[in-house]
Amino acid sequence: MNRQTEANLTGHFQAILDALSDGVYISDVTGKTLCVNRMYEQLTGLKREEIEGRDVRDMVRSGIFDSILNPEIVETHKPATRVQHLKDGKTLVLSGYPVFNENGELCFVVTFARDITILTNLNEQVGHQKNLLQKTEGQIAFMAKQQKEHSFTPSFASKAMGEVLNLVDRIAPTDATVLILGETGVGKDVIANLVHQRSPRAENLMLKVDCGGISEGLTESELFGYVAGAFTGASSKGKAGYFEIANGSTIFLDEIGELPLSMQTRLLRVLQDGEIMRVGSASPRKVDVRIIAATNRNLRDCVLAGTFRRDLYYRLNVATINIPPLRERQEDIGLLAKFFLAMYAAKYRKNLYFLDITLEILRSYSWPGNVRELQNLVHSIAITARGPAISPQDLPSQISGKKPKESSLGEDIFSDSRSLHEIMEEIEADFLTRAIEHYGSVQAVAKRFRVDRSTVFRKIRKGKQDRQQEQV
């Protein structure tokens, strides 16, 4: 390079630095700031005259920025990279390089600075979204699992449940709001899922909301979402509520009778106008959601008591499905018991089956907890059963009617106040129950002792009823 060119470059040195898109910071081996370019001023907000001539270490001590490269490069004579945070919240990535003279001696350190605040924020947002996706995927996987478990067509033999399933077939293809009524444990969630699976929205996941399981203070934000900064502790990105998440699909509001009156008003707007309003927002959002609601309460009584809005009740009461309790459809008990036993036997890899007399006893029980109580009982039996045949001995005493370790031929039989006929009925029932366990079926016992099958059932049932009356 000739002297004239070199002199020309030197004269335009600052202009050349200012033309660079990265911030440039040049210091000497002592750490003294020699010059910066215009981009560095723009990145940091620091003026050239404020920092030129200052020691980089003094600038760290004064809190202008938190890290520097000069001392490290002066010591190692090697390039280095570091992230630097400024007091105004900006984040820079520094890339420093040593500059040597013709004798190989270090004379300058040139540091290039780039603003990565936006990139850092983007990474944080990506991390937040990733966590949110993982959480959402977990929730969706759980809901999908729940819906898969309840996606079967209910086993039934009763006329009452046949009418329920026929009503489901007529209601499901429409977009009508559905209200499912029934006692706790009758299977309202199963019917809700069946309505969804037989509807045009079946390809989308049905979202279930337990109206009694959300605290009153959070109900509004959970159902309808909120905008950024709506309240203390709210996400800076805002959050979609259940109705937005279920857009295009079905939302199942379980135990809707537990919904606070304030939220009933908001729900009415969804039913009337198809709109929701996020907490803190001034503008409504359209949603396309089919609503299925369920409750074990008498909503008409709740309306009279003032705990449930009359207009909301009429909006919900468009297509109503009443599920009868299990005690009113005894024909279904055996089928359901066999279904649940097959399901849990497969789960635990066991070979299990009910004796006829065991099913007869199950049918004669009142089942206050309905199908849920029956399912839980069968689940327990599948775990604890001593052999493949489920006998009356495997049933809990409140169902079998027999006290634990009770014996009809014990010493206390002589102090019993019952008549001989009643005692003999109980002894017969115990004998026939044990015979069934021994021979494996009612048919085999009837043949062995030369009596009708109906006689075996009648005597066992009568003995069970006598024991229950004695315990009352």
Protein backbone atom coordinates (compact mmCIF):
# COMPACT_ATOMS: atom_id res chain seq x y z
CA MET A 1 0.00 0.00 0.00
CA ASN A 2 1.54 3.35 -1.02
CA ARG A 3 1.83 6.26 1.41
CA GLN A 4 -0.84 8.32 -0.33
CA THR A 5 -3.43 5.50 -0.08
CA GLU A 6 -2.44 4.87 3.54
CA ALA A 7 -2.79 8.55 4.37
CA ASN A 8 -6.14 8.66 2.60
CA LEU A 9 -7.44 5.68 4.59
CA THR A 10 -6.15 7.14 7.85
CA GLY A 11 -7.93 10.40 7.15
CA HIS A 12 -11.18 8.57 6.59
CA PHE A 13 -10.70 6.01 9.38
CA GLN A 14 -13.63 7.21 11.49
CA ALA A 15 -15.92 7.44 8.48
CA ILE A 16 -15.02 3.84 7.58
CA LEU A 17 -15.84 2.67 11.14
CA ASP A 18 -19.15 4.53 11.05
CA ALA A 19 -20.09 2.73 7.82
CA LEU A 20 -19.93 -0.70 9.56
CA SER A 21 -23.22 -2.35 10.60
CA ASP A 22 -21.71 -3.74 13.83
CA GLY A 23 -20.73 -1.67 16.81
CA VAL A 24 -16.92 -1.24 17.03
CA TYR A 25 -14.99 -0.59 20.23
CA ILE A 26 -11.19 -0.16 20.05
CA SER A 27 -9.00 -0.14 23.16
CA ASP A 28 -5.25 -0.38 23.80
CA VAL A 29 -3.28 -2.89 25.88
CA THR A 30 -3.86 -0.86 29.07
CA GLY A 31 -7.61 -0.98 28.65
CA LYS A 32 -7.96 2.64 27.59
CA THR A 33 -10.87 3.31 25.21
CA LEU A 34 -9.51 4.78 21.97
CA CYS A 35 -12.57 5.11 19.77
CA VAL A 36 -16.04 3.74 18.99
CA ASN A 37 -18.19 3.99 15.88
CA ARG A 38 -21.64 5.43 15.36
CA MET A 39 -23.35 2.02 15.51
CA TYR A 40 -21.84 1.39 18.93
CA GLU A 41 -23.30 4.69 20.12
CA GLN A 42 -26.70 3.67 18.77
CA LEU A 43 -26.55 0.22 20.37
CA THR A 44 -25.48 1.38 23.80
CA GLY A 45 -26.82 4.91 24.02
CA LEU A 46 -23.31 5.99 25.08
CA LYS A 47 -21.78 9.04 23.42
CA ARG A 48 -18.28 8.87 21.93
CA GLU A 49 -17.04 11.77 24.02
CA GLU A 50 -18.34 10.09 27.21
CA ILE A 51 -16.28 6.93 26.86
CA GLU A 52 -13.21 7.69 24.75
CA GLY A 53 -10.17 7.86 27.02
CA ARG A 54 -11.86 5.90 29.86
CA ASP A 55 -10.53 2.60 31.20
CA VAL A 56 -12.80 -0.32 30.39
CA ARG A 57 -12.45 -1.67 33.96
CA ASP A 58 -13.69 1.62 35.42
CA MET A 59 -16.75 1.40 33.18
CA VAL A 60 -17.54 -2.06 34.56
CA ARG A 61 -17.12 -0.81 38.14
CA SER A 62 -19.47 2.11 37.43
CA GLY A 63 -22.14 -0.30 36.16
CA ILE A 64 -22.27 0.86 32.55
CA PHE A 65 -21.91 -2.76 31.46
CA ASP A 66 -21.18 -6.01 33.27
CA SER A 67 -18.37 -7.66 31.29
CA ILE A 68 -15.43 -6.78 29.00
CA LEU A 69 -13.01 -8.65 26.72
CA ASN A 70 -9.92 -6.42 26.80
CA PRO A 71 -8.14 -7.89 29.86
CA GLU A 72 -8.71 -11.46 28.68
CA ILE A 73 -7.43 -10.84 25.15
CA VAL A 74 -4.44 -8.85 26.43
CA GLU A 75 -3.54 -11.82 28.64
CA THR A 76 -4.16 -14.62 26.14
CA HIS A 77 -3.46 -12.86 22.83
CA LYS A 78 -6.40 -14.84 21.45
CA PRO A 79 -9.87 -13.89 20.20
CA ALA A 80 -12.73 -14.19 22.69
CA THR A 81 -16.51 -13.95 22.75
CA ARG A 82 -18.83 -12.98 25.58
CA VAL A 83 -22.36 -11.77 26.26
CA GLN A 84 -22.59 -8.29 27.76
CA HIS A 85 -25.58 -6.78 29.57
CA LEU A 86 -26.03 -3.02 29.66
CA LYS A 87 -27.67 -1.15 32.52
CA ASP A 88 -30.61 -0.20 30.25
CA GLY A 89 -31.49 -3.89 29.83
CA LYS A 90 -29.99 -4.48 26.38
CA THR A 91 -27.98 -7.61 25.67
CA LEU A 92 -24.94 -7.52 23.35
CA VAL A 93 -22.74 -10.29 22.09
CA LEU A 94 -19.07 -9.20 21.97
CA SER A 95 -16.46 -10.65 19.63
CA GLY A 96 -12.96 -9.39 20.44
CA TYR A 97 -9.77 -9.73 18.38
CA PRO A 98 -6.13 -8.89 19.15
CA VAL A 99 -4.22 -6.56 16.74
CA PHE A 100 -0.43 -6.93 16.53
CA ASN A 101 2.22 -4.56 15.14
CA GLU A 102 4.99 -5.47 12.69
CA ASN A 103 7.09 -6.80 15.59
CA GLY A 104 4.35 -9.18 16.71
CA GLU A 105 3.53 -7.16 19.77
CA LEU A 106 -0.07 -6.68 20.86
CA CYS A 107 -1.10 -3.05 20.45
CA PHE A 108 -4.89 -2.93 20.19
CA VAL A 109 -8.02 -4.90 21.00
CA VAL A 110 -10.89 -4.51 18.52
CA THR A 111 -14.30 -5.56 19.80
CA PHE A 112 -17.36 -5.95 17.60
CA ALA A 113 -20.77 -5.65 19.31
CA ARG A 114 -24.12 -6.93 18.12
CA ASP A 115 -27.52 -6.42 19.77
CA ILE A 116 -29.12 -9.78 20.58
CA THR A 117 -31.84 -8.44 22.88
CA ILE A 118 -34.51 -9.32 20.33
CA LEU A 119 -32.98 -12.75 19.77
CA THR A 120 -32.79 -13.35 23.54
CA ASN A 121 -36.43 -12.36 23.96
CA LEU A 122 -37.33 -14.60 21.04
CA ASN A 123 -35.50 -17.52 22.65
CA GLU A 124 -37.35 -16.87 25.90
CA GLN A 125 -40.64 -16.79 24.02
CA VAL A 126 -39.75 -20.01 22.22
CA GLY A 127 -38.88 -21.58 25.57
CA HIS A 128 -42.15 -20.35 27.04
CA GLN A 129 -44.11 -21.66 24.07
CA LYS A 130 -42.27 -24.97 24.26
CA ASN A 131 -43.19 -25.35 27.92
CA LEU A 132 -46.75 -24.35 27.12
CA LEU A 133 -46.91 -26.87 24.28
CA GLN A 134 -45.52 -29.61 26.51
CA LYS A 135 -48.09 -28.77 29.16
CA THR A 136 -50.88 -28.59 26.60
CA GLU A 137 -49.76 -31.85 24.98
CA GLY A 138 -49.84 -33.47 28.39
CA GLN A 139 -53.36 -32.18 29.04
CA ILE A 140 -54.52 -33.22 25.59
CA ALA A 141 -52.95 -36.67 25.99
CA PHE A 142 -54.73 -37.05 29.32
CA MET A 143 -58.05 -35.94 27.84
CA ALA A 144 -57.54 -38.23 24.85
CA LYS A 145 -56.86 -41.13 27.20
CA GLN A 146 -59.97 -40.31 29.21
CA GLN A 147 -62.10 -40.10 26.09
CA LYS A 148 -60.68 -43.35 24.76
CA GLU A 149 -61.63 -45.07 28.01
CA HIS A 150 -65.16 -43.71 27.74
CA SER A 151 -65.57 -44.07 23.98
CA PHE A 152 -67.23 -47.49 24.11
CA THR A 153 -70.95 -47.95 23.52
CA PRO A 154 -72.44 -48.67 26.96
CA SER A 155 -73.38 -52.29 27.60
CA PHE A 156 -77.09 -52.51 28.32
CA ALA A 157 -80.07 -54.82 28.18
CA SER A 158 -82.64 -52.54 29.76
CA LYS A 159 -85.35 -50.75 27.80
CA ALA A 160 -84.52 -47.52 29.65
CA MET A 161 -80.93 -47.42 28.39
CA GLY A 162 -82.07 -48.45 24.94
CA GLU A 163 -84.22 -45.31 24.87
CA VAL A 164 -81.24 -43.21 26.07
CA LEU A 165 -79.02 -44.52 23.24
CA ASN A 166 -81.78 -43.94 20.67
CA LEU A 167 -82.07 -40.35 21.90
CA VAL A 168 -78.29 -39.92 21.60
CA ASP A 169 -78.45 -41.06 17.98
CA ARG A 170 -81.11 -38.45 17.22
CA ILE A 171 -79.40 -35.59 19.06
CA ALA A 172 -75.73 -36.19 18.14
CA PRO A 173 -75.82 -35.19 14.43
CA THR A 174 -77.33 -31.80 15.29
CA ASP A 175 -75.52 -28.84 16.83
CA ALA A 176 -78.06 -28.49 19.65
CA THR A 177 -76.97 -27.81 23.21
CA VAL A 178 -77.31 -30.98 25.29
CA LEU A 179 -78.21 -31.24 28.99
CA ILE A 180 -77.49 -34.60 30.63
CA LEU A 181 -79.20 -35.31 33.96
CA GLY A 182 -78.64 -38.15 36.37
CA GLU A 183 -77.37 -39.17 39.77
CA THR A 184 -73.68 -39.19 40.58
CA GLY A 185 -71.92 -42.13 38.96
CA VAL A 186 -74.53 -43.06 36.33
CA GLY A 187 -72.12 -42.37 33.46
CA LYS A 188 -72.97 -38.85 32.30
CA ASP A 189 -69.43 -38.42 30.95
CA VAL A 190 -69.79 -41.60 28.91
CA ILE A 191 -72.98 -40.34 27.30
CA ALA A 192 -71.44 -36.89 26.69
CA ASN A 193 -68.50 -38.48 24.91
CA LEU A 194 -70.88 -40.67 22.91
CA VAL A 195 -72.80 -37.59 21.73
CA HIS A 196 -69.53 -35.96 20.65
CA GLN A 197 -68.19 -39.08 18.92
CA ARG A 198 -71.37 -39.40 16.87
CA SER A 199 -71.42 -35.70 15.92
CA PRO A 200 -69.85 -33.88 12.93
CA ARG A 201 -67.23 -32.51 15.38
CA ALA A 202 -65.93 -35.98 16.28
CA GLU A 203 -62.55 -35.42 14.58
CA ASN A 204 -61.71 -32.76 17.19
CA LEU A 205 -61.01 -33.43 20.84
CA MET A 206 -63.85 -32.77 23.26
CA LEU A 207 -62.72 -30.57 26.16
CA LYS A 208 -64.09 -31.49 29.59
CA VAL A 209 -64.41 -28.82 32.29
CA ASP A 210 -65.28 -29.70 35.89
CA CYS A 211 -67.31 -26.65 36.93
CA GLY A 212 -67.10 -27.67 40.58
CA GLY A 213 -63.34 -28.17 40.49
CA ILE A 214 -62.31 -24.60 39.60
CA SER A 215 -62.00 -22.03 42.38
CA GLU A 216 -64.56 -19.23 42.03
CA GLY A 217 -61.81 -16.61 41.76
CA LEU A 218 -60.26 -18.35 38.74
CA THR A 219 -63.42 -19.55 36.99
CA GLU A 220 -63.71 -16.53 34.67
CA SER A 221 -60.09 -16.55 33.50
CA GLU A 222 -60.07 -20.35 33.09
CA LEU A 223 -63.26 -20.43 31.02
CA PHE A 224 -62.80 -17.26 28.99
CA GLY A 225 -59.05 -16.49 29.19
CA TYR A 226 -57.42 -13.13 29.82
CA VAL A 227 -55.34 -10.50 28.04
CA ALA A 228 -51.77 -9.53 28.96
CA GLY A 229 -51.57 -7.67 32.28
CA ALA A 230 -55.24 -8.27 33.14
CA PHE A 231 -54.39 -8.88 36.80
CA THR A 232 -51.45 -9.39 39.13
CA GLY A 233 -49.64 -12.60 38.24
CA ALA A 234 -51.17 -12.81 34.77
CA SER A 235 -48.95 -14.01 31.95
CA SER A 236 -47.39 -11.23 29.91
CA LYS A 237 -48.61 -13.04 26.80
CA GLY A 238 -52.21 -13.46 27.95
CA LYS A 239 -53.97 -16.82 27.90
CA ALA A 240 -56.76 -18.49 25.94
CA GLY A 241 -59.66 -19.89 27.97
CA TYR A 242 -61.36 -23.24 27.60
CA PHE A 243 -63.92 -21.93 25.11
CA GLU A 244 -61.22 -20.62 22.75
CA ILE A 245 -59.25 -23.87 23.08
CA ALA A 246 -62.41 -25.85 22.21
CA ASN A 247 -63.21 -23.64 19.20
CA GLY A 248 -64.56 -25.82 16.40
CA SER A 249 -65.20 -28.71 18.77
CA THR A 250 -67.29 -29.59 21.83
CA ILE A 251 -66.95 -28.44 25.43
CA PHE A 252 -68.39 -30.65 28.19
CA LEU A 253 -69.37 -28.64 31.28
CA ASP A 254 -69.63 -31.27 33.98
CA GLU A 255 -71.55 -30.40 37.17
CA ILE A 256 -72.82 -27.16 35.67
CA GLY A 257 -75.08 -26.71 38.69
CA GLU A 258 -71.93 -25.72 40.62
CA LEU A 259 -71.20 -22.76 38.31
CA PRO A 260 -71.33 -19.38 40.14
CA LEU A 261 -74.13 -17.01 39.14
CA SER A 262 -71.65 -14.47 37.77
CA MET A 263 -70.28 -17.08 35.36
CA GLN A 264 -73.77 -18.21 34.39
CA THR A 265 -74.32 -14.75 32.90
CA ARG A 266 -71.10 -15.05 30.87
CA LEU A 267 -72.07 -18.54 29.70
CA LEU A 268 -75.45 -17.24 28.56
CA ARG A 269 -73.66 -14.84 26.19
CA VAL A 270 -71.79 -17.77 24.63
CA LEU A 271 -75.05 -19.63 24.06
CA GLN A 272 -76.90 -16.60 22.70
CA ASP A 273 -74.25 -14.85 20.61
CA GLY A 274 -71.38 -17.34 20.22
CA GLU A 275 -69.02 -14.79 21.80
CA ILE A 276 -66.62 -14.72 24.72
CA MET A 277 -64.83 -11.83 26.36
CA ARG A 278 -61.37 -12.34 27.79
CA VAL A 279 -60.74 -10.87 31.24
CA GLY A 280 -59.37 -7.36 30.76
CA SER A 281 -60.44 -7.13 27.11
CA ALA A 282 -62.86 -4.61 25.64
CA SER A 283 -63.63 -6.54 22.46
CA PRO A 284 -65.49 -9.87 22.12
CA ARG A 285 -64.17 -12.93 20.27
CA LYS A 286 -66.32 -15.27 18.21
CA VAL A 287 -66.21 -18.98 19.07
CA ASP A 288 -67.83 -21.98 17.41
CA VAL A 289 -68.39 -24.41 20.27
CA ARG A 290 -71.05 -27.01 20.94
CA ILE A 291 -71.96 -27.18 24.63
CA ILE A 292 -72.83 -30.37 26.48
CA ALA A 293 -73.70 -29.79 30.14
CA ALA A 294 -74.33 -32.30 32.90
CA THR A 295 -75.46 -32.16 36.50
CA ASN A 296 -76.77 -34.37 39.29
CA ARG A 297 -78.83 -31.47 40.63
CA ASN A 298 -82.47 -30.68 39.90
CA LEU A 299 -81.93 -27.45 37.96
CA ARG A 300 -85.62 -26.57 38.13
CA ASP A 301 -85.39 -26.55 41.92
CA CYS A 302 -82.17 -24.52 41.68
CA VAL A 303 -84.01 -21.95 39.54
CA LEU A 304 -86.76 -21.67 42.16
CA ALA A 305 -84.13 -21.33 44.89
CA GLY A 306 -82.40 -18.53 42.97
CA THR A 307 -79.07 -20.36 42.58
CA PHE A 308 -79.43 -20.95 38.84
CA ARG A 309 -80.49 -18.46 36.18
CA ARG A 310 -83.89 -19.20 34.66
CA ASP A 311 -82.88 -17.94 31.20
CA LEU A 312 -79.73 -20.11 31.23
CA TYR A 313 -81.78 -23.14 32.27
CA TYR A 314 -84.09 -22.66 29.29
CA ARG A 315 -81.08 -22.19 26.98
CA LEU A 316 -79.54 -25.43 28.19
CA ASN A 317 -82.77 -27.40 28.27
CA VAL A 318 -82.93 -27.87 24.48
CA ALA A 319 -82.04 -31.54 24.14
CA THR A 320 -82.23 -33.25 27.53
CA ILE A 321 -81.05 -36.77 28.30
CA ASN A 322 -82.09 -38.37 31.59
CA ILE A 323 -79.96 -41.34 32.62
CA PRO A 324 -81.80 -43.65 35.03
CA PRO A 325 -79.94 -44.90 38.13
CA LEU A 326 -78.51 -48.40 38.05
CA ARG A 327 -81.02 -49.71 40.62
CA GLU A 328 -83.81 -49.04 38.12
CA ARG A 329 -82.19 -51.09 35.36
CA GLN A 330 -81.08 -54.32 36.98
CA GLU A 331 -80.87 -55.99 33.58
CA ASP A 332 -77.73 -53.93 32.89
CA ILE A 333 -75.84 -54.85 36.08
CA GLY A 334 -74.63 -58.25 34.91
CA LEU A 335 -73.55 -56.99 31.49
CA LEU A 336 -71.66 -54.06 33.01
CA ALA A 337 -70.02 -56.25 35.64
CA LYS A 338 -68.81 -58.68 32.95
CA PHE A 339 -67.61 -55.80 30.77
CA PHE A 340 -65.57 -54.23 33.57
CA LEU A 341 -64.19 -57.61 34.66
CA ALA A 342 -63.04 -58.39 31.11
CA MET A 343 -61.42 -54.96 30.89
CA TYR A 344 -59.49 -55.29 34.15
CA ALA A 345 -58.69 -58.96 33.60
CA ALA A 346 -57.01 -57.98 30.33
CA LYS A 347 -55.20 -55.12 32.05
CA TYR A 348 -53.79 -57.36 34.78
CA ARG A 349 -53.40 -60.40 32.51
CA LYS A 350 -55.71 -62.63 34.54
CA ASN A 351 -58.36 -65.19 33.65
CA LEU A 352 -61.43 -64.15 35.66
CA TYR A 353 -65.15 -64.80 35.47
CA PHE A 354 -68.23 -64.38 37.67
CA LEU A 355 -70.17 -67.30 39.06
CA ASP A 356 -73.87 -67.05 38.26
CA ILE A 357 -74.75 -66.69 41.93
CA THR A 358 -72.30 -63.79 42.28
CA LEU A 359 -73.97 -61.96 39.42
CA GLU A 360 -77.35 -62.66 41.02
CA ILE A 361 -76.17 -61.06 44.27
CA LEU A 362 -74.82 -58.05 42.36
CA ARG A 363 -78.19 -57.62 40.66
CA SER A 364 -80.02 -57.58 43.99
CA TYR A 365 -77.83 -54.78 45.43
CA SER A 366 -79.16 -51.20 45.32
CA TRP A 367 -75.93 -49.55 44.01
CA PRO A 368 -76.23 -46.07 45.56
CA GLY A 369 -73.00 -45.09 43.74
CA ASN A 370 -74.40 -46.38 40.43
CA VAL A 371 -72.11 -47.51 37.59
CA ARG A 372 -69.04 -45.86 39.13
CA GLU A 373 -69.48 -47.89 42.32
CA LEU A 374 -69.89 -51.09 40.28
CA GLN A 375 -66.78 -50.34 38.23
CA ASN A 376 -64.69 -49.59 41.32
CA LEU A 377 -65.90 -52.79 42.98
CA VAL A 378 -65.02 -54.91 39.94
CA HIS A 379 -61.63 -53.19 39.71
CA SER A 380 -60.95 -54.09 43.35
CA ILE A 381 -62.10 -57.67 42.82
CA ALA A 382 -59.87 -58.05 39.75
CA ILE A 383 -56.89 -57.07 41.89
CA THR A 384 -57.67 -59.12 45.00
CA ALA A 385 -59.47 -62.20 43.59
CA ARG A 386 -58.07 -65.48 44.93
CA GLY A 387 -58.96 -67.54 41.88
CA PRO A 388 -60.41 -67.31 38.40
CA ALA A 389 -64.00 -67.80 39.63
CA ILE A 390 -65.45 -64.72 41.37
CA SER A 391 -67.67 -66.14 44.12
CA PRO A 392 -69.91 -64.44 46.70
CA GLN A 393 -67.01 -64.76 49.15
CA ASP A 394 -65.10 -62.23 47.03
CA LEU A 395 -67.79 -59.59 47.54
CA PRO A 396 -67.71 -57.08 50.40
CA SER A 397 -70.14 -57.73 53.25
CA GLN A 398 -72.39 -54.76 52.46
CA ILE A 399 -73.13 -56.36 49.09
CA SER A 400 -73.09 -60.06 49.93
CA GLY A 401 -75.07 -59.45 53.13
CA LYS A 402 -72.77 -61.71 55.13
CA LYS A 403 -70.70 -60.51 58.05
CA PRO A 404 -66.95 -61.28 57.87
CA LYS A 405 -66.06 -64.65 59.39
CA GLU A 406 -69.72 -65.29 60.20
CA SER A 407 -70.77 -68.92 60.50
CA SER A 408 -74.34 -70.20 60.51
CA LEU A 409 -73.26 -73.18 62.61
CA GLY A 410 -71.38 -71.24 65.29
CA GLU A 411 -71.93 -71.52 69.05
CA ASP A 412 -74.10 -68.37 69.09
CA ILE A 413 -76.73 -70.06 66.96
CA PHE A 414 -78.40 -71.38 70.14
CA SER A 415 -78.81 -67.89 71.55
CA ASP A 416 -80.31 -66.67 68.27
CA SER A 417 -83.85 -65.28 68.56
CA ARG A 418 -84.82 -66.38 65.05
CA SER A 419 -87.19 -69.23 64.32
CA LEU A 420 -85.96 -72.63 63.20
CA HIS A 421 -87.34 -71.95 59.74
CA GLU A 422 -85.31 -68.71 59.43
CA ILE A 423 -82.14 -70.41 60.70
CA MET A 424 -82.56 -73.29 58.26
CA GLU A 425 -83.07 -70.83 55.39
CA GLU A 426 -79.74 -69.21 56.19
CA ILE A 427 -77.99 -72.58 56.52
CA GLU A 428 -79.41 -73.62 53.15
CA ALA A 429 -78.23 -70.40 51.57
CA ASP A 430 -74.71 -70.83 52.95
CA PHE A 431 -74.61 -74.46 51.87
CA LEU A 432 -75.74 -73.69 48.32
CA THR A 433 -73.32 -70.75 48.04
CA ARG A 434 -70.39 -73.00 49.01
CA ALA A 435 -71.64 -75.70 46.67
CA ILE A 436 -71.63 -73.28 43.76
CA GLU A 437 -68.05 -72.30 44.61
CA HIS A 438 -67.13 -76.00 44.70
CA TYR A 439 -68.95 -77.16 41.54
CA GLY A 440 -68.43 -73.94 39.58
CA SER A 441 -71.98 -73.12 38.47
CA VAL A 442 -75.62 -73.02 39.56
CA GLN A 443 -76.48 -75.52 36.84
CA ALA A 444 -74.02 -78.08 38.25
CA VAL A 445 -75.37 -77.63 41.79
CA ALA A 446 -78.97 -77.96 40.62
CA LYS A 447 -78.12 -81.20 38.83
CA ARG A 448 -76.04 -82.58 41.72
CA PHE A 449 -78.75 -82.01 44.35
CA ARG A 450 -81.67 -82.55 42.00
CA VAL A 451 -83.37 -79.15 42.35
CA ASP A 452 -84.34 -76.45 39.89
CA ARG A 453 -81.92 -73.60 39.15
CA SER A 454 -84.65 -71.16 40.17
CA THR A 455 -84.87 -72.89 43.57
CA VAL A 456 -81.13 -72.44 44.12
CA PHE A 457 -81.37 -68.72 43.29
CA ARG A 458 -84.48 -68.26 45.44
CA LYS A 459 -83.01 -69.93 48.53
CA ILE A 460 -79.74 -67.98 48.30
CA ARG A 461 -81.56 -64.71 47.78
CA LYS A 462 -83.90 -65.41 50.70
CA GLY A 463 -81.01 -66.21 53.04
CA LYS A 464 -79.26 -63.00 51.98
CA GLN A 465 -82.38 -60.94 52.65
CA ASP A 466 -82.77 -62.50 56.11
CA ARG A 467 -79.19 -61.57 57.02
CA GLN A 468 -79.69 -58.02 55.82
CA GLN A 469 -82.87 -57.64 57.89
CA GLU A 470 -81.03 -59.01 60.91
CA GLN A 471 -78.29 -56.36 60.51
CA VAL A 472 -80.79 -53.47 60.29
